[in-house]
N, C-alpha and C. Protein backbone atom coordinates (compact mmCIF):
# COMPACT_ATOMS: atom_id res chain seq x y z
N MET A 1 102.48 -11.22 59.92
CA MET A 1 101.39 -10.74 59.10
C MET A 1 101.94 -10.13 57.81
N SER A 2 101.24 -10.34 56.76
CA SER A 2 101.62 -9.77 55.48
C SER A 2 101.11 -8.33 55.42
N ARG A 3 102.04 -7.40 55.19
CA ARG A 3 101.62 -5.98 55.14
C ARG A 3 100.71 -5.73 53.96
N ILE A 4 101.03 -6.34 52.82
CA ILE A 4 100.21 -6.11 51.64
C ILE A 4 98.93 -6.94 51.71
N GLY A 5 99.04 -8.16 52.18
CA GLY A 5 97.90 -9.07 52.19
C GLY A 5 96.75 -8.62 53.06
N LYS A 6 97.03 -7.92 54.14
CA LYS A 6 95.94 -7.54 55.05
C LYS A 6 95.19 -6.29 54.62
N LYS A 7 95.67 -5.58 53.58
CA LYS A 7 94.94 -4.41 53.07
C LYS A 7 93.70 -4.87 52.31
N PRO A 8 92.54 -4.30 52.61
CA PRO A 8 91.35 -4.68 51.83
C PRO A 8 91.39 -4.04 50.44
N ILE A 9 90.71 -4.69 49.50
CA ILE A 9 90.63 -4.20 48.12
C ILE A 9 89.26 -3.56 47.94
N GLU A 10 89.25 -2.30 47.54
CA GLU A 10 87.99 -1.59 47.29
C GLU A 10 87.42 -2.04 45.95
N ILE A 11 86.11 -2.26 45.92
CA ILE A 11 85.43 -2.62 44.68
C ILE A 11 84.76 -1.35 44.15
N PRO A 12 85.23 -0.81 43.00
CA PRO A 12 84.62 0.42 42.46
C PRO A 12 83.22 0.17 41.91
N GLN A 13 82.51 1.27 41.65
CA GLN A 13 81.17 1.18 41.04
C GLN A 13 81.29 0.54 39.66
N GLY A 14 80.34 -0.29 39.31
CA GLY A 14 80.33 -0.91 37.99
C GLY A 14 81.15 -2.17 37.88
N VAL A 15 81.76 -2.61 38.98
CA VAL A 15 82.57 -3.83 38.99
C VAL A 15 81.85 -4.89 39.83
N SER A 16 81.72 -6.09 39.29
CA SER A 16 81.11 -7.18 40.04
C SER A 16 82.17 -8.26 40.29
N VAL A 17 82.14 -8.80 41.50
CA VAL A 17 83.10 -9.83 41.89
C VAL A 17 82.32 -11.07 42.30
N GLU A 18 82.74 -12.22 41.78
CA GLU A 18 82.06 -13.47 42.08
C GLU A 18 83.11 -14.52 42.43
N ILE A 19 82.88 -15.25 43.51
CA ILE A 19 83.80 -16.31 43.93
C ILE A 19 83.08 -17.63 43.71
N ARG A 20 83.69 -18.47 42.80
CA ARG A 20 83.03 -19.73 42.47
C ARG A 20 84.06 -20.75 42.00
N ASP A 21 83.95 -21.98 42.48
CA ASP A 21 84.78 -23.11 42.03
C ASP A 21 86.27 -22.81 42.08
N ASN A 22 86.78 -22.33 43.20
CA ASN A 22 88.19 -21.98 43.37
C ASN A 22 88.68 -20.95 42.37
N TYR A 23 87.79 -20.11 41.89
CA TYR A 23 88.12 -18.99 41.01
C TYR A 23 87.48 -17.73 41.56
N ILE A 24 88.13 -16.60 41.32
CA ILE A 24 87.51 -15.31 41.58
C ILE A 24 87.36 -14.65 40.22
N ILE A 25 86.13 -14.28 39.89
CA ILE A 25 85.82 -13.70 38.59
C ILE A 25 85.45 -12.23 38.80
N VAL A 26 86.17 -11.35 38.11
CA VAL A 26 85.96 -9.91 38.23
C VAL A 26 85.48 -9.40 36.88
N LYS A 27 84.31 -8.75 36.87
CA LYS A 27 83.74 -8.20 35.64
C LYS A 27 83.60 -6.69 35.80
N GLY A 28 83.94 -5.97 34.74
CA GLY A 28 83.85 -4.52 34.78
C GLY A 28 83.60 -3.95 33.40
N PRO A 29 83.70 -2.62 33.27
CA PRO A 29 83.41 -1.98 31.99
C PRO A 29 84.39 -2.36 30.87
N LYS A 30 85.63 -2.69 31.17
CA LYS A 30 86.62 -3.02 30.15
C LYS A 30 86.63 -4.50 29.78
N GLY A 31 86.07 -5.36 30.63
CA GLY A 31 86.09 -6.79 30.32
C GLY A 31 85.96 -7.64 31.56
N GLU A 32 86.50 -8.85 31.47
CA GLU A 32 86.38 -9.83 32.54
C GLU A 32 87.73 -10.50 32.78
N ASN A 33 88.06 -10.74 34.06
CA ASN A 33 89.28 -11.43 34.45
C ASN A 33 88.94 -12.56 35.41
N LYS A 34 89.78 -13.59 35.39
CA LYS A 34 89.55 -14.73 36.26
C LYS A 34 90.89 -15.17 36.85
N VAL A 35 90.91 -15.42 38.18
CA VAL A 35 92.12 -15.88 38.86
C VAL A 35 91.81 -17.18 39.57
N ALA A 36 92.66 -18.19 39.38
CA ALA A 36 92.52 -19.46 40.09
C ALA A 36 93.10 -19.28 41.49
N LEU A 37 92.37 -19.73 42.49
CA LEU A 37 92.79 -19.57 43.88
C LEU A 37 93.57 -20.79 44.37
N HIS A 38 94.53 -20.55 45.23
CA HIS A 38 95.31 -21.60 45.88
C HIS A 38 94.45 -22.16 47.02
N PRO A 39 94.60 -23.46 47.34
CA PRO A 39 93.78 -24.03 48.42
C PRO A 39 94.03 -23.39 49.80
N HIS A 40 95.19 -22.78 50.02
CA HIS A 40 95.48 -22.17 51.32
C HIS A 40 94.96 -20.74 51.43
N VAL A 41 94.48 -20.18 50.33
CA VAL A 41 94.03 -18.78 50.31
C VAL A 41 92.51 -18.74 50.45
N LYS A 42 92.05 -17.82 51.30
CA LYS A 42 90.62 -17.65 51.52
C LYS A 42 90.25 -16.21 51.19
N ILE A 43 89.22 -16.02 50.37
CA ILE A 43 88.79 -14.68 49.97
C ILE A 43 87.36 -14.47 50.43
N VAL A 44 87.14 -13.32 51.09
CA VAL A 44 85.82 -12.97 51.58
C VAL A 44 85.40 -11.66 50.93
N LYS A 45 84.19 -11.65 50.37
CA LYS A 45 83.66 -10.45 49.72
C LYS A 45 82.54 -9.89 50.57
N THR A 46 82.67 -8.59 50.92
CA THR A 46 81.57 -7.89 51.58
C THR A 46 80.93 -6.99 50.54
N ASP A 47 80.17 -6.01 50.96
CA ASP A 47 79.45 -5.15 50.01
C ASP A 47 80.37 -4.46 49.02
N ASP A 48 81.39 -3.76 49.50
CA ASP A 48 82.25 -3.00 48.60
C ASP A 48 83.73 -3.26 48.84
N LYS A 49 84.07 -4.36 49.51
CA LYS A 49 85.47 -4.69 49.79
C LYS A 49 85.72 -6.18 49.64
N ILE A 50 86.97 -6.49 49.29
CA ILE A 50 87.43 -7.88 49.24
C ILE A 50 88.58 -7.99 50.22
N THR A 51 88.53 -9.00 51.08
CA THR A 51 89.65 -9.26 52.00
C THR A 51 90.22 -10.64 51.69
N VAL A 52 91.54 -10.71 51.73
CA VAL A 52 92.25 -11.95 51.44
C VAL A 52 92.90 -12.42 52.73
N SER A 53 92.83 -13.71 53.00
CA SER A 53 93.49 -14.28 54.17
C SER A 53 94.00 -15.68 53.81
N VAL A 54 94.81 -16.23 54.70
CA VAL A 54 95.34 -17.59 54.51
C VAL A 54 95.01 -18.42 55.73
N HIS A 55 95.13 -19.73 55.59
CA HIS A 55 94.78 -20.62 56.70
C HIS A 55 95.76 -20.49 57.86
N ASN A 56 97.07 -20.41 57.58
CA ASN A 56 98.08 -20.33 58.63
C ASN A 56 99.01 -19.15 58.37
N PRO A 57 98.74 -17.96 58.94
CA PRO A 57 99.58 -16.78 58.66
C PRO A 57 100.99 -16.87 59.23
N GLU A 58 101.27 -17.85 60.08
CA GLU A 58 102.61 -18.00 60.65
C GLU A 58 103.55 -18.77 59.72
N ASN A 59 102.97 -19.54 58.80
CA ASN A 59 103.76 -20.31 57.84
C ASN A 59 104.30 -19.35 56.77
N LYS A 60 105.61 -19.46 56.48
CA LYS A 60 106.25 -18.53 55.55
C LYS A 60 105.66 -18.65 54.14
N ALA A 61 105.41 -19.86 53.68
CA ALA A 61 104.85 -20.06 52.34
C ALA A 61 103.44 -19.47 52.25
N ASP A 62 102.63 -19.67 53.28
CA ASP A 62 101.28 -19.11 53.28
C ASP A 62 101.31 -17.59 53.33
N LYS A 63 102.26 -17.05 54.08
CA LYS A 63 102.36 -15.60 54.18
C LYS A 63 102.70 -14.97 52.82
N SER A 64 103.56 -15.64 52.05
CA SER A 64 103.90 -15.11 50.73
C SER A 64 102.72 -15.26 49.77
N LEU A 65 101.94 -16.34 49.91
CA LEU A 65 100.73 -16.50 49.09
C LEU A 65 99.71 -15.41 49.41
N TRP A 66 99.67 -14.99 50.65
CA TRP A 66 98.72 -13.98 51.10
C TRP A 66 98.93 -12.68 50.33
N GLY A 67 100.16 -12.20 50.31
CA GLY A 67 100.47 -10.96 49.59
C GLY A 67 100.33 -11.12 48.09
N LEU A 68 100.73 -12.28 47.56
CA LEU A 68 100.64 -12.54 46.13
C LEU A 68 99.20 -12.48 45.65
N PHE A 69 98.31 -13.20 46.31
CA PHE A 69 96.93 -13.25 45.84
C PHE A 69 96.19 -11.94 46.07
N ARG A 70 96.57 -11.19 47.07
CA ARG A 70 95.98 -9.86 47.25
C ARG A 70 96.37 -8.97 46.08
N ALA A 71 97.65 -9.04 45.66
CA ALA A 71 98.12 -8.24 44.53
C ALA A 71 97.47 -8.70 43.23
N LEU A 72 97.32 -10.01 43.04
CA LEU A 72 96.69 -10.53 41.82
C LEU A 72 95.24 -10.07 41.69
N VAL A 73 94.50 -10.15 42.79
CA VAL A 73 93.09 -9.74 42.76
C VAL A 73 93.00 -8.23 42.56
N ALA A 74 93.86 -7.45 43.22
CA ALA A 74 93.85 -5.99 43.04
C ALA A 74 94.16 -5.63 41.59
N ASN A 75 95.10 -6.34 40.96
CA ASN A 75 95.42 -6.09 39.55
C ASN A 75 94.25 -6.43 38.64
N GLN A 76 93.48 -7.46 38.99
CA GLN A 76 92.30 -7.81 38.18
C GLN A 76 91.26 -6.70 38.26
N VAL A 77 91.07 -6.13 39.46
CA VAL A 77 90.09 -5.04 39.62
C VAL A 77 90.54 -3.80 38.85
N ILE A 78 91.83 -3.47 38.92
CA ILE A 78 92.35 -2.33 38.16
C ILE A 78 92.22 -2.58 36.67
N GLY A 79 92.49 -3.80 36.24
CA GLY A 79 92.44 -4.14 34.81
C GLY A 79 91.06 -3.97 34.21
N VAL A 80 90.00 -4.37 34.93
CA VAL A 80 88.66 -4.27 34.36
C VAL A 80 88.10 -2.85 34.46
N THR A 81 88.73 -1.98 35.26
CA THR A 81 88.26 -0.60 35.34
C THR A 81 89.06 0.33 34.42
N THR A 82 90.39 0.32 34.52
CA THR A 82 91.20 1.25 33.71
C THR A 82 92.02 0.54 32.64
N GLY A 83 92.39 -0.70 32.85
CA GLY A 83 93.21 -1.45 31.89
C GLY A 83 94.69 -1.19 32.09
N PHE A 84 95.51 -1.95 31.39
CA PHE A 84 96.96 -1.82 31.47
C PHE A 84 97.51 -1.55 30.08
N GLU A 85 98.67 -0.87 30.03
CA GLU A 85 99.28 -0.51 28.76
C GLU A 85 100.79 -0.56 28.88
N LYS A 86 101.43 -1.10 27.86
CA LYS A 86 102.89 -1.07 27.74
C LYS A 86 103.22 -0.43 26.41
N LYS A 87 104.25 0.41 26.40
CA LYS A 87 104.68 1.05 25.16
C LYS A 87 106.11 0.62 24.87
N LEU A 88 106.34 0.24 23.62
CA LEU A 88 107.65 -0.16 23.15
C LEU A 88 108.10 0.82 22.07
N GLU A 89 109.39 1.13 22.07
CA GLU A 89 109.95 2.07 21.12
C GLU A 89 110.96 1.33 20.25
N MET A 90 110.90 1.58 18.94
CA MET A 90 111.85 0.98 18.02
C MET A 90 112.86 2.03 17.61
N GLN A 91 114.15 1.69 17.70
CA GLN A 91 115.20 2.60 17.26
C GLN A 91 116.09 1.86 16.28
N GLY A 92 116.26 2.43 15.12
CA GLY A 92 117.11 1.84 14.09
C GLY A 92 116.66 2.32 12.72
N VAL A 93 117.60 2.44 11.81
CA VAL A 93 117.30 2.90 10.46
C VAL A 93 116.50 1.82 9.74
N GLY A 94 115.34 2.20 9.22
CA GLY A 94 114.51 1.27 8.47
C GLY A 94 113.65 0.36 9.32
N PHE A 95 113.64 0.52 10.64
CA PHE A 95 112.80 -0.31 11.49
C PHE A 95 111.36 0.18 11.39
N LYS A 96 110.44 -0.74 11.09
CA LYS A 96 109.02 -0.40 10.93
C LYS A 96 108.16 -1.45 11.59
N ALA A 97 106.96 -1.02 11.97
CA ALA A 97 105.97 -1.95 12.52
C ALA A 97 104.61 -1.59 11.97
N ASN A 98 103.77 -2.59 11.76
CA ASN A 98 102.40 -2.40 11.29
C ASN A 98 101.50 -3.35 12.06
N ALA A 99 100.34 -2.85 12.46
CA ALA A 99 99.32 -3.70 13.06
C ALA A 99 98.34 -4.06 11.96
N GLN A 100 98.30 -5.34 11.60
CA GLN A 100 97.41 -5.81 10.54
C GLN A 100 96.45 -6.82 11.13
N GLY A 101 95.22 -6.38 11.38
CA GLY A 101 94.22 -7.27 11.97
C GLY A 101 94.65 -7.72 13.36
N LYS A 102 94.75 -9.02 13.54
CA LYS A 102 95.15 -9.58 14.83
C LYS A 102 96.61 -9.99 14.86
N SER A 103 97.44 -9.34 14.03
CA SER A 103 98.86 -9.65 14.04
C SER A 103 99.67 -8.36 13.97
N LEU A 104 100.89 -8.46 14.40
CA LEU A 104 101.83 -7.35 14.41
C LEU A 104 102.97 -7.74 13.47
N VAL A 105 103.25 -6.90 12.47
CA VAL A 105 104.30 -7.19 11.49
C VAL A 105 105.46 -6.25 11.76
N LEU A 106 106.63 -6.82 12.04
CA LEU A 106 107.82 -6.04 12.37
C LEU A 106 108.89 -6.21 11.30
N GLU A 107 109.47 -5.12 10.90
CA GLU A 107 110.64 -5.14 10.02
C GLU A 107 111.77 -4.50 10.81
N VAL A 108 112.65 -5.34 11.35
CA VAL A 108 113.67 -4.87 12.28
C VAL A 108 115.08 -5.30 11.88
N GLY A 109 115.38 -5.22 10.60
CA GLY A 109 116.73 -5.49 10.15
C GLY A 109 117.03 -6.91 9.74
N PHE A 110 116.05 -7.80 9.78
CA PHE A 110 116.26 -9.15 9.30
C PHE A 110 115.97 -9.18 7.80
N SER A 111 116.30 -10.29 7.14
CA SER A 111 116.02 -10.42 5.71
C SER A 111 114.54 -10.66 5.44
N HIS A 112 113.78 -10.90 6.50
CA HIS A 112 112.35 -11.15 6.37
C HIS A 112 111.60 -10.35 7.43
N SER A 113 110.31 -10.14 7.23
CA SER A 113 109.52 -9.47 8.25
C SER A 113 109.05 -10.53 9.27
N VAL A 114 108.83 -10.09 10.50
CA VAL A 114 108.44 -10.99 11.57
C VAL A 114 106.97 -10.74 11.89
N ASN A 115 106.15 -11.79 11.81
CA ASN A 115 104.73 -11.70 12.15
C ASN A 115 104.52 -12.29 13.54
N ILE A 116 103.81 -11.55 14.39
CA ILE A 116 103.48 -12.03 15.73
C ILE A 116 101.98 -11.94 15.89
N GLU A 117 101.36 -13.03 16.29
CA GLU A 117 99.92 -13.02 16.56
C GLU A 117 99.67 -12.34 17.90
N VAL A 118 98.75 -11.39 17.92
CA VAL A 118 98.37 -10.70 19.15
C VAL A 118 97.42 -11.62 19.90
N PRO A 119 97.70 -11.93 21.18
CA PRO A 119 96.83 -12.85 21.93
C PRO A 119 95.41 -12.30 22.09
N VAL A 120 94.48 -13.19 22.30
CA VAL A 120 93.08 -12.81 22.51
C VAL A 120 93.00 -11.98 23.78
N GLY A 121 92.30 -10.87 23.72
CA GLY A 121 92.15 -10.00 24.89
C GLY A 121 93.11 -8.82 24.89
N LEU A 122 94.01 -8.76 23.92
CA LEU A 122 94.95 -7.65 23.83
C LEU A 122 94.72 -6.87 22.54
N GLU A 123 95.13 -5.60 22.57
CA GLU A 123 95.10 -4.75 21.38
C GLU A 123 96.51 -4.24 21.15
N ALA A 124 96.94 -4.24 19.91
CA ALA A 124 98.25 -3.69 19.55
C ALA A 124 98.03 -2.62 18.49
N SER A 125 98.63 -1.45 18.71
CA SER A 125 98.54 -0.38 17.72
C SER A 125 99.93 0.22 17.55
N VAL A 126 100.15 0.86 16.40
CA VAL A 126 101.46 1.42 16.09
C VAL A 126 101.29 2.87 15.66
N GLU A 127 102.11 3.75 16.25
CA GLU A 127 102.19 5.15 15.85
C GLU A 127 103.65 5.47 15.64
N LYS A 128 104.04 5.74 14.40
CA LYS A 128 105.43 5.99 14.02
C LYS A 128 106.32 4.85 14.50
N ASN A 129 107.17 5.08 15.51
CA ASN A 129 108.06 4.03 15.99
C ASN A 129 107.67 3.54 17.38
N ILE A 130 106.44 3.81 17.83
CA ILE A 130 105.96 3.39 19.14
C ILE A 130 104.89 2.31 18.96
N ILE A 131 105.07 1.18 19.67
CA ILE A 131 104.10 0.09 19.65
C ILE A 131 103.35 0.14 20.98
N ASN A 132 102.02 0.28 20.94
CA ASN A 132 101.18 0.29 22.15
C ASN A 132 100.50 -1.06 22.30
N ILE A 133 100.61 -1.63 23.49
CA ILE A 133 99.95 -2.90 23.78
C ILE A 133 99.02 -2.65 24.96
N LYS A 134 97.71 -2.90 24.78
CA LYS A 134 96.71 -2.64 25.81
C LYS A 134 95.91 -3.90 26.09
N GLY A 135 95.45 -4.02 27.35
CA GLY A 135 94.61 -5.15 27.72
C GLY A 135 94.16 -5.03 29.16
N VAL A 136 93.33 -5.97 29.59
CA VAL A 136 92.82 -5.95 30.96
C VAL A 136 93.62 -6.84 31.89
N ASP A 137 94.43 -7.76 31.36
CA ASP A 137 95.21 -8.67 32.18
C ASP A 137 96.66 -8.20 32.21
N LYS A 138 97.14 -7.78 33.38
CA LYS A 138 98.49 -7.22 33.52
C LYS A 138 99.56 -8.23 33.12
N GLU A 139 99.37 -9.46 33.51
CA GLU A 139 100.35 -10.51 33.20
C GLU A 139 100.44 -10.75 31.69
N LEU A 140 99.31 -10.78 31.02
CA LEU A 140 99.28 -11.03 29.58
C LEU A 140 99.90 -9.85 28.81
N VAL A 141 99.61 -8.63 29.24
CA VAL A 141 100.18 -7.44 28.58
C VAL A 141 101.69 -7.44 28.72
N GLY A 142 102.19 -7.69 29.94
CA GLY A 142 103.64 -7.70 30.17
C GLY A 142 104.35 -8.82 29.44
N ALA A 143 103.73 -10.00 29.39
CA ALA A 143 104.35 -11.14 28.72
C ALA A 143 104.43 -10.91 27.20
N PHE A 144 103.36 -10.34 26.62
CA PHE A 144 103.40 -10.08 25.18
C PHE A 144 104.39 -8.98 24.84
N ALA A 145 104.46 -7.94 25.68
CA ALA A 145 105.44 -6.87 25.45
C ALA A 145 106.86 -7.43 25.52
N ALA A 146 107.12 -8.33 26.44
CA ALA A 146 108.45 -8.93 26.56
C ALA A 146 108.76 -9.80 25.35
N ARG A 147 107.74 -10.49 24.81
CA ARG A 147 107.93 -11.30 23.61
C ARG A 147 108.28 -10.45 22.40
N VAL A 148 107.61 -9.29 22.27
CA VAL A 148 107.90 -8.39 21.15
C VAL A 148 109.31 -7.82 21.31
N ARG A 149 109.68 -7.43 22.52
CA ARG A 149 111.00 -6.86 22.78
C ARG A 149 112.10 -7.89 22.51
N ALA A 150 111.83 -9.16 22.79
CA ALA A 150 112.85 -10.21 22.61
C ALA A 150 113.18 -10.47 21.15
N ILE A 151 112.35 -10.02 20.22
CA ILE A 151 112.63 -10.22 18.79
C ILE A 151 113.90 -9.49 18.40
N LYS A 152 114.07 -8.27 18.88
CA LYS A 152 115.28 -7.49 18.58
C LYS A 152 115.60 -6.64 19.81
N LYS A 153 116.31 -7.23 20.77
CA LYS A 153 116.68 -6.50 21.98
C LYS A 153 117.62 -5.36 21.63
N PRO A 154 117.60 -4.28 22.41
CA PRO A 154 118.52 -3.17 22.11
C PRO A 154 119.97 -3.61 22.32
N GLU A 155 120.80 -3.35 21.34
CA GLU A 155 122.19 -3.76 21.47
C GLU A 155 123.00 -2.60 22.07
N PRO A 156 124.08 -2.89 22.78
CA PRO A 156 124.76 -1.87 23.58
C PRO A 156 125.70 -0.95 22.82
N TYR A 157 126.02 -1.21 21.56
CA TYR A 157 126.98 -0.39 20.84
C TYR A 157 126.33 0.79 20.13
N GLN A 158 125.27 0.53 19.37
CA GLN A 158 124.60 1.62 18.66
C GLN A 158 123.22 1.92 19.23
N GLY A 159 122.70 1.05 20.09
CA GLY A 159 121.40 1.26 20.71
C GLY A 159 120.22 0.86 19.84
N LYS A 160 120.46 0.17 18.74
CA LYS A 160 119.37 -0.25 17.86
C LYS A 160 118.58 -1.38 18.52
N GLY A 161 117.29 -1.40 18.23
CA GLY A 161 116.47 -2.49 18.72
C GLY A 161 115.13 -2.00 19.24
N ILE A 162 114.41 -2.90 19.91
CA ILE A 162 113.11 -2.58 20.49
C ILE A 162 113.29 -2.50 22.00
N ARG A 163 112.85 -1.40 22.57
CA ARG A 163 112.98 -1.20 24.02
C ARG A 163 111.68 -0.62 24.57
N TYR A 164 111.50 -0.73 25.88
CA TYR A 164 110.36 -0.09 26.53
C TYR A 164 110.57 1.42 26.50
N VAL A 165 109.50 2.18 26.41
CA VAL A 165 109.61 3.64 26.45
C VAL A 165 110.12 4.03 27.83
N GLY A 166 111.19 4.80 27.86
CA GLY A 166 111.80 5.21 29.12
C GLY A 166 112.91 4.28 29.60
N GLU A 167 113.11 3.15 28.94
CA GLU A 167 114.18 2.22 29.32
C GLU A 167 115.54 2.82 28.94
N ILE A 168 116.47 2.71 29.83
CA ILE A 168 117.82 3.22 29.58
C ILE A 168 118.72 2.04 29.23
N VAL A 169 119.35 2.12 28.07
CA VAL A 169 120.24 1.06 27.61
C VAL A 169 121.67 1.52 27.86
N ARG A 170 122.41 0.71 28.61
CA ARG A 170 123.82 1.05 28.87
C ARG A 170 124.62 0.86 27.60
N ARG A 171 125.33 1.88 27.24
CA ARG A 171 126.10 1.86 26.00
C ARG A 171 127.55 1.50 26.29
N LYS A 172 128.17 0.78 25.35
CA LYS A 172 129.57 0.40 25.46
C LYS A 172 130.38 1.17 24.43
N ALA A 173 131.64 1.36 24.73
CA ALA A 173 132.53 2.00 23.75
C ALA A 173 132.94 0.95 22.73
N GLY A 174 132.97 1.33 21.47
CA GLY A 174 133.37 0.41 20.41
C GLY A 174 134.88 0.35 20.28
N LYS A 175 135.37 -0.39 19.29
CA LYS A 175 136.81 -0.56 19.08
C LYS A 175 137.48 0.77 18.77
N ALA A 176 136.86 1.61 17.94
CA ALA A 176 137.47 2.89 17.55
C ALA A 176 137.61 3.80 18.77
N ALA A 177 136.62 3.81 19.64
CA ALA A 177 136.68 4.66 20.83
C ALA A 177 137.75 4.15 21.80
N LYS A 178 137.88 2.84 21.90
CA LYS A 178 138.91 2.28 22.78
C LYS A 178 140.31 2.58 22.24
N ALA A 179 140.48 2.46 20.92
CA ALA A 179 141.80 2.72 20.32
C ALA A 179 142.16 4.20 20.45
N ALA A 180 141.19 5.08 20.31
CA ALA A 180 141.46 6.51 20.46
C ALA A 180 141.80 6.84 21.91
N GLY A 181 141.16 6.17 22.84
CA GLY A 181 141.45 6.40 24.26
C GLY A 181 142.81 5.86 24.66
N ALA A 182 143.23 4.74 24.05
CA ALA A 182 144.52 4.13 24.39
C ALA A 182 145.68 4.98 23.85
N GLY A 183 145.48 5.63 22.69
CA GLY A 183 146.54 6.44 22.09
C GLY A 183 146.72 7.77 22.81
N ALA A 184 145.75 8.17 23.62
CA ALA A 184 145.81 9.46 24.31
C ALA A 184 146.67 9.39 25.58
N LYS A 185 147.05 8.21 26.01
CA LYS A 185 147.81 8.08 27.25
C LYS A 185 149.17 8.59 27.16
């Protein structure tokens, strides 16, 4: 049995869940999410709970689908009620970001500025050196945050780049530090 898959999902007030055409559609105060269902996954909705099950719980592949789809549906319910947010921090002299309409403009040490289109359903805002990405779909928020971070990953010598808030970047000693350490022996 899947430990995660057998937990029922509570449906909060103001959230409607509809199962139709191999999709589960979750609507709430923040927006709407839709998840495509696998043929082996079965979802049953009661008054205020959703239960997820699979056709053959003894099959290893079905058991993993059980936990996966329970987590996906739970994330959709959380997304339409509270939403998801990722924060990115820019470190470096002269690094700037601006949110202009539906695009994010980054100046991160290249000879040109980098424009990134913000996907539909997401919001991007900038305060000083912090980029906030908000949305109702956890997968979309995480994927866009990773795309922004990939433009200028934090480098290990000086720590410049774009990183998640709270991310720890392992630093390396440079040539001068190594030469000073070798002469001390």
